[in-house]
Protein backbone atom coordinates (compact mmCIF):
# COMPACT_ATOMS: atom_id res chain seq x y z
CA MET A 1 76.87 132.28 133.84
CA SER A 2 75.40 128.77 133.72
CA HIS A 3 77.26 125.93 132.07
CA ALA A 4 76.66 122.34 131.08
CA THR A 5 76.41 119.69 133.76
CA LEU A 6 78.04 116.43 132.64
CA THR A 7 77.00 113.04 133.93
CA ALA A 8 79.48 110.30 134.71
CA ALA A 9 78.15 108.24 131.81
CA GLY A 10 78.47 111.19 129.43
CA LEU A 11 82.04 111.92 130.49
CA ALA A 12 82.92 108.22 130.24
CA ALA A 13 81.65 108.20 126.64
CA LEU A 14 83.85 111.18 125.81
CA LEU A 15 86.85 109.52 127.46
CA GLY A 16 86.40 106.43 125.32
CA PRO A 17 87.29 102.85 126.16
CA ASP A 18 90.08 102.19 128.64
CA PRO A 19 91.09 105.79 129.44
CA THR A 20 93.64 104.52 131.95
CA GLY A 21 95.30 102.08 129.55
CA GLY A 22 98.89 102.62 128.47
CA ASP A 23 102.29 103.14 130.00
CA GLY A 24 102.46 105.01 133.27
CA PRO A 25 100.34 105.44 136.38
CA ALA A 26 96.60 105.09 135.75
CA TYR A 27 95.75 108.42 137.39
CA ARG A 28 98.18 110.32 135.15
CA LEU A 29 96.81 108.66 132.03
CA LEU A 30 93.27 109.57 133.10
CA ALA A 31 94.34 113.14 133.92
CA THR A 32 96.00 113.48 130.51
CA ARG A 33 92.88 112.27 128.74
CA LEU A 34 90.66 114.64 130.73
CA ARG A 35 93.03 117.55 130.11
CA THR A 36 92.87 116.86 126.37
CA LEU A 37 89.07 116.89 126.41
CA ILE A 38 88.98 120.17 128.32
CA GLY A 39 91.70 121.84 126.30
CA ASP A 40 90.04 120.80 123.05
CA GLY A 41 86.62 122.05 124.11
CA ARG A 42 84.89 118.70 123.99
CA VAL A 43 84.37 119.28 127.71
CA PRO A 44 83.51 123.00 127.70
CA SER A 45 85.27 125.34 130.07
CA GLY A 46 82.88 125.92 132.96
CA ALA A 47 81.19 122.52 132.70
CA ARG A 48 80.41 120.78 135.98
CA LEU A 49 82.06 117.37 136.08
CA PRO A 50 80.67 114.34 137.89
CA SER A 51 81.82 113.67 141.43
CA GLU A 52 84.84 111.47 142.04
CA ARG A 53 82.59 108.69 143.31
CA GLN A 54 80.31 108.85 140.27
CA LEU A 55 83.19 108.79 137.80
CA THR A 56 84.84 105.95 139.71
CA ASP A 57 81.72 103.82 139.26
CA ALA A 58 81.29 104.78 135.60
CA LEU A 59 84.90 103.93 134.67
CA ALA A 60 85.21 100.90 136.96
CA VAL A 61 88.52 102.16 138.32
CA SER A 62 89.72 102.78 141.85
CA ARG A 63 88.59 105.86 143.74
CA THR A 64 92.25 106.77 144.24
CA THR A 65 92.79 106.90 140.47
CA VAL A 66 90.01 109.45 139.96
CA THR A 67 90.89 111.45 143.07
CA ARG A 68 94.53 111.80 142.04
CA ALA A 69 93.59 112.55 138.42
CA TYR A 70 91.31 115.39 139.56
CA ALA A 71 94.12 116.64 141.80
CA VAL A 72 96.53 116.74 138.84
CA LEU A 73 93.99 118.75 136.85
CA ARG A 74 93.49 121.21 139.72
CA ASP A 75 97.24 121.67 140.12
CA SER A 76 97.63 122.36 136.37
CA GLY A 77 94.73 124.81 136.24
CA TYR A 78 92.28 122.63 134.32
CA LEU A 79 89.90 122.06 137.22
CA THR A 80 88.53 124.20 140.01
CA SER A 81 86.38 123.36 142.99
CA ARG A 82 83.47 125.57 143.89
CA ALA A 83 81.25 125.31 146.92
CA GLY A 84 77.95 123.86 145.83
CA SER A 85 79.17 123.20 142.29
CA GLY A 86 81.71 120.41 142.74
CA SER A 87 84.50 120.11 140.18
CA VAL A 88 84.37 122.57 137.29
CA ALA A 89 86.42 122.32 134.09
CA ARG A 90 88.36 125.36 132.99
CA VAL A 91 90.99 126.31 130.43
CA PRO A 92 93.99 128.10 131.97
CA GLY A 93 94.63 131.67 130.86
CA ASP A 94 92.39 134.21 129.22
CA PRO A 95 89.72 132.91 126.80
CA ILE A 96 90.42 133.31 123.10
CA PRO A 97 87.44 134.48 121.04
CA THR A 98 86.45 131.89 118.47
CA HIS A 99 83.37 133.46 116.93
CA GLY A 100 84.35 136.41 114.80
CA PRO A 101 82.07 137.83 112.14
CA LEU A 102 81.07 135.40 109.44
CA LEU A 103 82.61 137.00 106.39
CA SER A 104 83.15 135.75 102.90
CA ARG A 105 85.37 136.91 100.11
CA PRO A 106 85.63 136.30 96.37
CA ALA A 107 87.41 133.16 95.24
CA GLY A 108 89.14 132.31 91.99
CA GLU A 109 88.29 129.18 90.05
CA ASP A 110 91.28 127.36 91.53
CA VAL A 111 90.14 127.88 95.13
CA ILE A 112 88.44 124.86 96.71
CA ASP A 113 85.98 126.02 99.37
CA LEU A 114 85.01 123.46 102.00
CA THR A 115 83.36 125.95 104.37
CA TYR A 116 79.93 125.46 102.75
CA ALA A 117 77.97 122.31 103.53
CA ALA A 118 75.67 122.80 100.56
CA LEU A 119 75.46 121.63 96.97
CA PRO A 120 74.54 123.27 93.68
CA ALA A 121 70.89 123.14 92.71
CA THR A 122 69.45 119.68 92.23
CA PRO A 123 68.04 118.78 88.81
CA GLY A 124 64.45 119.98 88.74
CA VAL A 125 64.98 123.40 90.30
CA LEU A 126 64.97 125.24 86.97
CA GLU A 127 61.76 123.48 85.94
CA ALA A 128 60.22 124.47 89.27
CA TYR A 129 61.07 128.12 88.60
CA GLU A 130 59.55 127.89 85.12
CA ARG A 131 56.35 126.44 86.55
CA ALA A 132 56.25 129.06 89.29
CA LEU A 133 56.51 131.85 86.70
CA THR A 134 53.28 130.65 85.14
CA GLU A 135 51.58 130.94 88.53
CA LEU A 136 53.10 134.31 89.45
CA PRO A 137 50.73 136.65 87.51
CA ARG A 138 47.76 135.93 89.79
CA HIS A 139 49.85 137.11 92.76
CA LEU A 140 50.86 140.42 91.21
CA ALA A 141 47.56 142.15 91.92
CA VAL A 142 48.27 142.26 95.67
CA PRO A 143 51.13 143.98 97.58
CA GLY A 144 53.03 140.71 98.04
CA TYR A 145 53.76 140.85 101.79
CA HIS A 146 52.99 137.48 103.37
CA PRO A 147 54.43 137.35 106.92
CA VAL A 148 52.96 133.90 107.53
CA GLY A 149 53.58 132.60 104.03
CA LEU A 150 51.56 131.80 100.95
CA SER A 151 48.73 129.38 101.59
CA GLU A 152 50.00 126.99 98.91
CA THR A 153 53.52 126.98 100.37
CA ARG A 154 52.25 126.36 103.89
CA ALA A 155 50.09 123.53 102.56
CA ALA A 156 53.08 121.98 100.76
CA VAL A 157 55.18 122.10 103.94
CA ALA A 158 52.30 120.54 105.88
CA ARG A 159 52.12 117.73 103.32
CA TRP A 160 55.89 117.18 103.74
CA PHE A 161 55.33 116.61 107.46
CA GLU A 162 52.32 114.39 106.74
CA ARG A 163 54.44 112.14 104.52
CA ARG A 164 56.88 111.79 107.42
CA GLY A 165 54.08 110.63 109.72
CA LEU A 166 53.35 113.91 111.53
CA PRO A 167 49.80 115.26 111.04
CA THR A 168 50.12 118.99 110.37
CA ASP A 169 47.64 121.75 109.62
CA PRO A 170 48.90 124.50 107.27
CA ASP A 171 47.95 127.00 109.98
CA GLN A 172 50.80 125.58 112.07
CA ILE A 173 53.37 126.66 109.44
CA VAL A 174 55.20 129.99 109.25
CA VAL A 175 57.30 130.38 106.09
CA THR A 176 60.63 132.17 106.55
CA ASN A 177 63.79 133.11 104.66
CA GLY A 178 65.62 129.88 105.45
CA ALA A 179 65.79 127.69 108.54
CA ASN A 180 68.09 130.04 110.42
CA ALA A 181 65.57 132.86 110.01
CA ALA A 182 62.98 130.52 111.50
CA LEU A 183 65.27 129.97 114.50
CA ALA A 184 65.70 133.73 114.89
CA ALA A 185 61.96 134.40 114.85
CA VAL A 186 61.12 131.54 117.22
CA THR A 187 63.87 132.50 119.69
CA ALA A 188 62.81 136.15 119.67
CA ALA A 189 59.23 135.07 120.37
CA LEU A 190 60.03 132.66 123.20
CA ALA A 191 63.06 134.01 125.05
CA LYS A 192 63.97 137.25 126.74
CA PRO A 193 67.48 138.73 126.61
CA GLY A 194 69.69 137.17 129.26
CA GLN A 195 67.86 133.85 129.43
CA HIS A 196 69.72 130.64 128.66
CA ALA A 197 69.49 128.40 125.62
CA VAL A 198 70.79 124.81 125.59
CA MET A 199 72.37 123.25 122.50
CA GLU A 200 74.80 120.53 121.55
CA THR A 201 78.46 121.29 121.13
CA PRO A 202 79.78 121.02 118.49
CA THR A 203 76.87 122.44 116.52
CA TYR A 204 75.90 124.61 113.56
CA PRO A 205 77.84 127.90 113.91
CA ASN A 206 75.11 130.16 112.57
CA ALA A 207 72.70 128.81 115.17
CA ILE A 208 75.12 129.89 117.91
CA HIS A 209 75.24 133.40 116.44
CA THR A 210 71.48 133.53 115.98
CA LEU A 211 70.79 132.60 119.59
CA ARG A 212 73.31 135.16 120.82
CA ALA A 213 71.90 137.84 118.51
CA ALA A 214 68.50 137.23 120.10
CA GLY A 215 70.06 138.05 123.46
CA THR A 216 70.07 134.51 124.84
CA ARG A 217 73.10 132.90 126.46
CA PRO A 218 73.87 129.53 124.80
CA ILE A 219 75.11 126.63 126.91
CA GLY A 220 76.81 123.80 125.03
CA VAL A 221 76.27 120.22 126.20
CA PRO A 222 78.88 117.93 124.60
CA LEU A 223 77.74 115.06 122.46
CA ALA A 224 78.67 111.81 124.18
CA GLY A 225 80.83 110.34 121.47
CA ASP A 226 78.45 110.12 118.53
CA ASP A 227 75.31 110.26 120.65
CA TRP A 228 73.36 112.66 122.81
CA ASP A 229 74.01 112.81 126.55
CA LEU A 230 70.35 113.17 127.48
CA THR A 231 70.93 113.03 131.22
CA SER A 232 73.40 115.91 131.02
CA ILE A 233 70.89 117.87 128.94
CA ARG A 234 68.24 117.29 131.62
CA ARG A 235 70.54 118.44 134.42
CA THR A 236 71.76 121.44 132.45
CA LEU A 237 68.18 122.54 131.76
CA ALA A 238 67.35 122.25 135.45
CA ARG A 239 70.40 124.18 136.65
CA SER A 240 70.27 126.93 134.04
CA ARG A 241 66.48 127.33 133.89
CA ALA A 242 66.86 127.65 130.15
CA VAL A 243 63.66 128.54 128.30
CA VAL A 244 64.65 127.19 124.90
CA GLY A 245 66.93 124.57 123.36
CA TYR A 246 68.23 123.87 119.88
CA ALA A 247 68.96 120.38 118.55
CA LEU A 248 70.03 118.77 115.28
CA PRO A 249 68.94 115.13 115.66
CA ASP A 250 68.80 114.40 111.91
CA PHE A 251 72.35 113.81 110.59
CA HIS A 252 73.77 116.35 112.97
CA ASN A 253 75.87 119.22 111.65
CA PRO A 254 78.85 118.76 111.89
CA THR A 255 79.12 115.19 113.25
CA GLY A 256 76.52 113.42 111.10
CA ALA A 257 75.10 111.66 114.18
CA LEU A 258 71.48 110.45 114.09
CA LEU A 259 69.33 110.39 117.22
CA SER A 260 67.26 107.22 117.64
CA GLU A 261 63.49 107.19 117.89
CA THR A 262 63.77 106.33 121.58
CA GLY A 263 66.23 109.17 122.08
CA ARG A 264 63.86 111.62 120.39
CA ALA A 265 61.04 110.62 122.67
CA GLU A 266 63.24 111.09 125.72
CA LEU A 267 64.58 114.42 124.49
CA ALA A 268 61.07 115.77 123.93
CA ASP A 269 60.03 114.52 127.38
CA ILE A 270 63.01 116.25 129.00
CA TYR A 271 61.92 119.60 127.59
CA ASP A 272 58.28 118.98 128.48
CA ARG A 273 59.20 118.30 132.09
CA ALA A 274 61.49 121.34 132.23
CA GLY A 275 58.79 123.59 130.80
CA ALA A 276 61.19 124.70 128.05
CA TRP A 277 60.77 124.81 124.29
CA LEU A 278 62.82 122.54 122.02
CA VAL A 279 63.61 123.84 118.53
CA VAL A 280 64.55 120.92 116.28
CA ASP A 281 66.43 121.69 113.07
CA GLU A 282 65.41 119.16 110.40
CA THR A 283 67.36 120.68 107.51
CA PHE A 284 69.11 117.37 106.75
CA ALA A 285 66.16 115.08 107.51
CA ASP A 286 65.66 113.91 103.90
CA LEU A 287 69.30 113.04 103.28
CA ALA A 288 69.55 109.42 104.47
CA LEU A 289 72.32 107.92 102.33
CA ASP A 290 72.37 104.24 103.24
CA GLY A 291 68.85 103.21 102.33
CA GLN A 292 67.66 103.27 105.93
CA GLN A 293 64.08 104.10 106.87
CA GLN A 294 63.68 107.75 107.71
CA THR A 295 63.47 108.49 111.44
CA GLY A 296 60.22 110.19 112.45
CA PRO A 297 60.08 113.87 113.38
CA THR A 298 60.89 114.64 117.01
CA ALA A 299 57.58 116.54 117.23
CA LEU A 300 55.80 113.16 117.15
CA HIS A 301 56.84 112.88 120.78
CA GLY A 302 56.28 114.94 123.89
CA ALA A 303 53.34 117.04 124.95
CA GLY A 304 53.61 119.83 122.44
CA ARG A 305 56.74 121.83 123.30
CA VAL A 306 58.67 120.82 120.17
CA ILE A 307 59.01 123.30 117.31
CA SER A 308 60.37 121.97 114.01
CA ILE A 309 62.35 124.19 111.66
CA GLY A 310 63.70 123.30 108.26
CA GLY A 311 64.28 124.55 104.75
CA THR A 312 65.07 123.85 101.15
CA SER A 313 68.80 124.62 101.21
CA LYS A 314 70.25 121.11 101.56
CA ALA A 315 67.70 118.97 99.72
CA PHE A 316 67.19 121.35 96.78
CA TRP A 317 69.25 124.56 96.63
CA GLY A 318 70.73 127.05 99.08
CA GLY A 319 69.93 129.95 96.78
CA LEU A 320 66.22 129.37 97.19
CA ARG A 321 66.24 130.70 100.80
CA VAL A 322 62.87 129.29 101.85
CA GLY A 323 62.47 127.83 105.31
CA TRP A 324 59.73 127.26 107.84
CA ALA A 325 58.74 126.73 111.43
CA ARG A 326 56.14 124.12 112.37
CA LEU A 327 54.50 125.21 115.60
CA PRO A 328 52.14 123.42 117.97
CA GLN A 329 48.44 124.07 117.35
CA ASP A 330 48.29 127.30 119.31
CA PRO A 331 47.11 130.43 117.45
CA ASP A 332 48.59 132.68 120.14
CA LEU A 333 52.04 131.10 119.68
CA VAL A 334 51.81 131.44 115.91
CA ASP A 335 50.92 135.11 116.37
CA ARG A 336 53.91 135.64 118.68
CA VAL A 337 56.29 134.10 116.17
CA VAL A 338 54.83 136.12 113.29
CA ARG A 339 55.13 139.33 115.31
CA ALA A 340 58.76 138.51 116.15
CA ARG A 341 59.45 137.64 112.53
CA HIS A 342 57.95 141.00 111.49
CA ASN A 343 60.84 142.72 113.27
CA LEU A 344 63.30 140.79 111.10
CA ASP A 345 61.65 140.97 107.67
CA LEU A 346 58.19 141.35 106.12
CA GLY A 347 57.96 138.05 104.34
CA THR A 348 59.56 135.55 101.97
CA PRO A 349 59.63 136.38 98.22
CA VAL A 350 56.51 135.13 96.45
CA LEU A 351 58.26 133.53 93.47
CA GLU A 352 60.59 131.52 95.72
CA GLN A 353 57.65 130.34 97.83
CA LEU A 354 55.93 129.05 94.70
CA VAL A 355 59.14 127.27 93.67
CA ALA A 356 59.51 125.70 97.12
CA ALA A 357 55.94 124.42 97.07
CA THR A 358 56.59 122.67 93.75
CA LEU A 359 59.87 121.15 94.91
CA LEU A 360 58.41 119.86 98.17
CA ASP A 361 55.57 118.15 96.32
CA ASP A 362 58.10 116.60 93.90
CA ALA A 363 60.51 115.56 96.68
CA ALA A 364 59.89 111.84 96.18
CA THR A 365 61.37 112.17 92.69
CA LEU A 366 64.02 114.84 93.28
CA VAL A 367 65.57 113.86 96.63
CA PRO A 368 66.76 110.39 95.50
CA ARG A 369 68.85 112.14 92.83
CA ARG A 370 70.41 114.32 95.51
CA VAL A 371 71.09 111.27 97.67
CA GLU A 372 72.78 109.44 94.79
CA ILE A 373 75.11 112.38 94.18
CA LEU A 374 75.96 112.70 97.87
CA ARG A 375 76.63 109.00 98.21
CA ALA A 376 79.17 109.08 95.37
CA GLN A 377 80.85 112.21 96.75
CA ARG A 378 80.99 110.76 100.25
CA SER A 379 82.78 107.68 98.87
CA ALA A 380 85.26 109.84 96.97
CA LEU A 381 86.14 111.89 100.05
CA VAL A 382 86.38 108.88 102.35
CA ASP A 383 88.59 106.92 99.94
CA ALA A 384 90.88 109.92 99.39
CA LEU A 385 91.30 110.51 103.12
CA ARG A 386 92.00 106.85 103.84
CA ASN A 387 94.61 106.71 101.09
CA ARG A 388 96.29 110.09 101.62
CA LEU A 389 95.77 110.83 105.33
CA PRO A 390 95.22 107.44 106.96
CA GLU A 391 96.02 108.78 110.44
CA TRP A 392 92.94 111.04 110.34
CA GLN A 393 89.98 109.36 112.01
CA PHE A 394 86.26 109.66 111.39
CA ARG A 395 83.02 107.75 111.66
CA MET A 396 81.18 107.14 108.39
CA PRO A 397 77.93 109.13 108.63
CA SER A 398 74.75 107.42 107.46
CA GLY A 399 73.34 110.64 106.06
CA GLY A 400 73.74 114.38 105.76
CA VAL A 401 76.66 116.07 104.01
CA ASN A 402 79.57 116.17 106.48
CA LEU A 403 82.49 114.17 107.84
CA TRP A 404 83.63 115.18 111.34
CA VAL A 405 87.33 114.33 111.32
CA THR A 406 89.56 113.83 114.36
CA LEU A 407 93.10 115.00 113.65
CA PRO A 408 96.16 113.28 115.16
CA LYS A 409 97.18 116.58 116.76
CA ALA A 410 95.28 119.69 117.82
CA ARG A 411 96.15 121.79 114.77
CA SER A 412 92.80 122.58 113.19
CA SER A 413 93.26 126.36 113.11
CA ALA A 414 96.84 126.05 111.89
CA LEU A 415 95.68 123.67 109.17
CA ALA A 416 92.96 126.10 108.04
CA ALA A 417 95.50 128.93 107.94
CA ALA A 418 97.98 126.83 105.97
CA GLY A 419 95.28 125.80 103.54
CA THR A 420 94.61 129.36 102.40
CA GLY A 421 98.04 129.57 100.81
CA LEU A 422 97.25 126.42 98.82
CA GLY A 423 93.89 127.63 97.53
CA LEU A 424 91.94 125.63 100.10
CA ARG A 425 89.36 127.04 102.47
CA LEU A 426 88.61 125.06 105.61
CA ALA A 427 86.48 125.70 108.66
CA ALA A 428 88.48 124.89 111.81
CA GLY A 429 86.80 122.81 114.48
CA GLY A 430 86.47 125.76 116.84
CA ARG A 431 83.94 127.34 114.50
CA PHE A 432 81.46 124.70 115.64
CA ALA A 433 82.04 125.06 119.37
CA VAL A 434 79.73 126.97 121.68
CA ASP A 435 82.56 127.98 123.99
CA GLY A 436 85.70 127.36 121.92
CA GLY A 437 87.91 124.33 121.47
CA PHE A 438 87.75 121.38 119.06
CA GLU A 439 91.24 122.15 117.79
CA SER A 440 91.66 118.45 117.01
CA HIS A 441 88.58 118.38 114.76
CA LEU A 442 87.71 119.47 111.26
CA ARG A 443 84.40 119.45 109.37
CA LEU A 444 84.71 118.28 105.78
CA PRO A 445 81.54 118.51 103.68
CA TYR A 446 81.32 116.14 100.72
CA THR A 447 79.40 118.69 98.67
CA LEU A 448 81.83 119.09 95.74
CA PRO A 449 82.30 116.80 92.74
CA PRO A 450 84.56 113.79 93.36
CA ASP A 451 87.52 115.19 91.42
CA ARG A 452 87.44 118.41 93.44
CA LEU A 453 87.23 116.50 96.71
CA ILE A 454 90.21 114.34 95.75
CA GLU A 455 92.20 117.47 94.87
CA ALA A 456 91.10 119.05 98.17
CA VAL A 457 92.53 116.10 100.09
CA GLU A 458 95.82 116.44 98.21
CA ARG A 459 96.02 120.09 99.28
CA MET A 460 95.03 119.15 102.81
CA ALA A 461 97.88 116.66 102.97
CA LEU A 462 100.34 119.35 101.90
CA ALA A 463 98.87 121.85 104.39
CA TRP A 464 98.97 119.27 107.17
CA ALA A 465 102.62 118.51 106.50
CA SER A 466 103.46 122.21 106.70
CA THR A 467 101.57 123.11 109.85
CA ALA A 468 103.49 124.25 112.87
CA GLU A 469 102.56 123.39 116.41
CA ALA A 470 98.97 123.84 117.63
CA GLY A 471 97.75 127.40 117.72
CA GLY A 472 99.27 128.49 114.42
CA PRO A 473 98.29 131.73 112.71
CA GLN A 474 94.58 132.40 112.25
CA ASP A 475 93.12 133.58 108.98
CA PRO A 476 92.52 137.30 109.63
CA TRP A 477 89.34 137.14 107.53
CA PRO A 478 87.38 134.14 108.88
CA PRO A 479 85.26 132.27 106.35
CA LEU A 480 81.51 132.14 106.35
CA VAL A 481 80.44 128.72 107.53
CA ALA A 482 77.20 127.28 106.16
């Protein structure tokens, strides 16, 4: 099995500033920091680490410090050496499965569910349904199967891309039942079972499942702090010969990170040069919360190997279930995706497509309302955390719907388990990991009203105080994560 290949710069970013600072020998401090990253999954088990010389240069420490730190990790089972592969991270013992079935269960009114990164319908959705009902009769005289999508819906999606600066022909659009269905159809069209797929870790859990369900073998490349380690992505693509990749450059789920315009151009170029396809999930692209200018679509860059997927779930309403894939201008590729999609379903409901077309054309009016609500809810969650759990750390995201919190101790699963008894549903950090880990992280969506978020933090504080050591009991019925 292929794994991520980390550069020295990428590993240095994960280590943070001054990884050898503190009391005690520098090599032991570095070894402890590396062991934490590996044990927590931020450096995935199986990842190839940079050579001792490369890491020495990147950290500006002595070669002896790195050599002895690597030796400590090997002696404790966190590092192995393989001929031709260099130093490889590993977690001692048998792997623990972290991706059970995504199940949901009924909740009473007192239960606060923070496993869904989605809001109720935005104002304007009901009016869009009413308008769509007036247009529906003319569609009732035909069978209603539209594997590519209604012409008016495809045109509305194309106009959405045009407004973002990306010329798009409606013939490049395939309408699907949500963005994840678009990922499933595209992956089935482009990859064969057993081939590799590259993605960030942490990432959107359902994307991991979708890629695996298509028979591909996901490889997680860690985000370098709050940014993309593009060099590690390039090397991982080359080593694994992956045919497809998945990225969330627009207010990344779960971290909220935003890839720069320069980074998008480089990412697209990396996939072009590797001869692989890059699937870019733009579900959160409209949700810039700090008044910043919207970053252009990644498909503006590269030589045509970028496929954009998106949907209406975050900007308008998750219950609408309308998504899309924007493909390069290649009729054969469109046909392949439609044929693959035909094995999954026969089309997206006509009424919902008409609603989506209306909402997309009214986005300039409707999305600012959504942004205003999210901004207020983000402030409520941030203020409550800073007041009630000041030792929890996070970076304020400039958009999207999530905080990615770093806990003082690796107790994410124990915290989620403790929360259930207090009427609080949480998604532990490991749910967002390609190969497990992230026990010191927690995704907190600010998608509930401020009073509910404040109450959620109160329950979190109680759950945190009651948690046992890391690795506490798991919820036997894992929550659906959206």
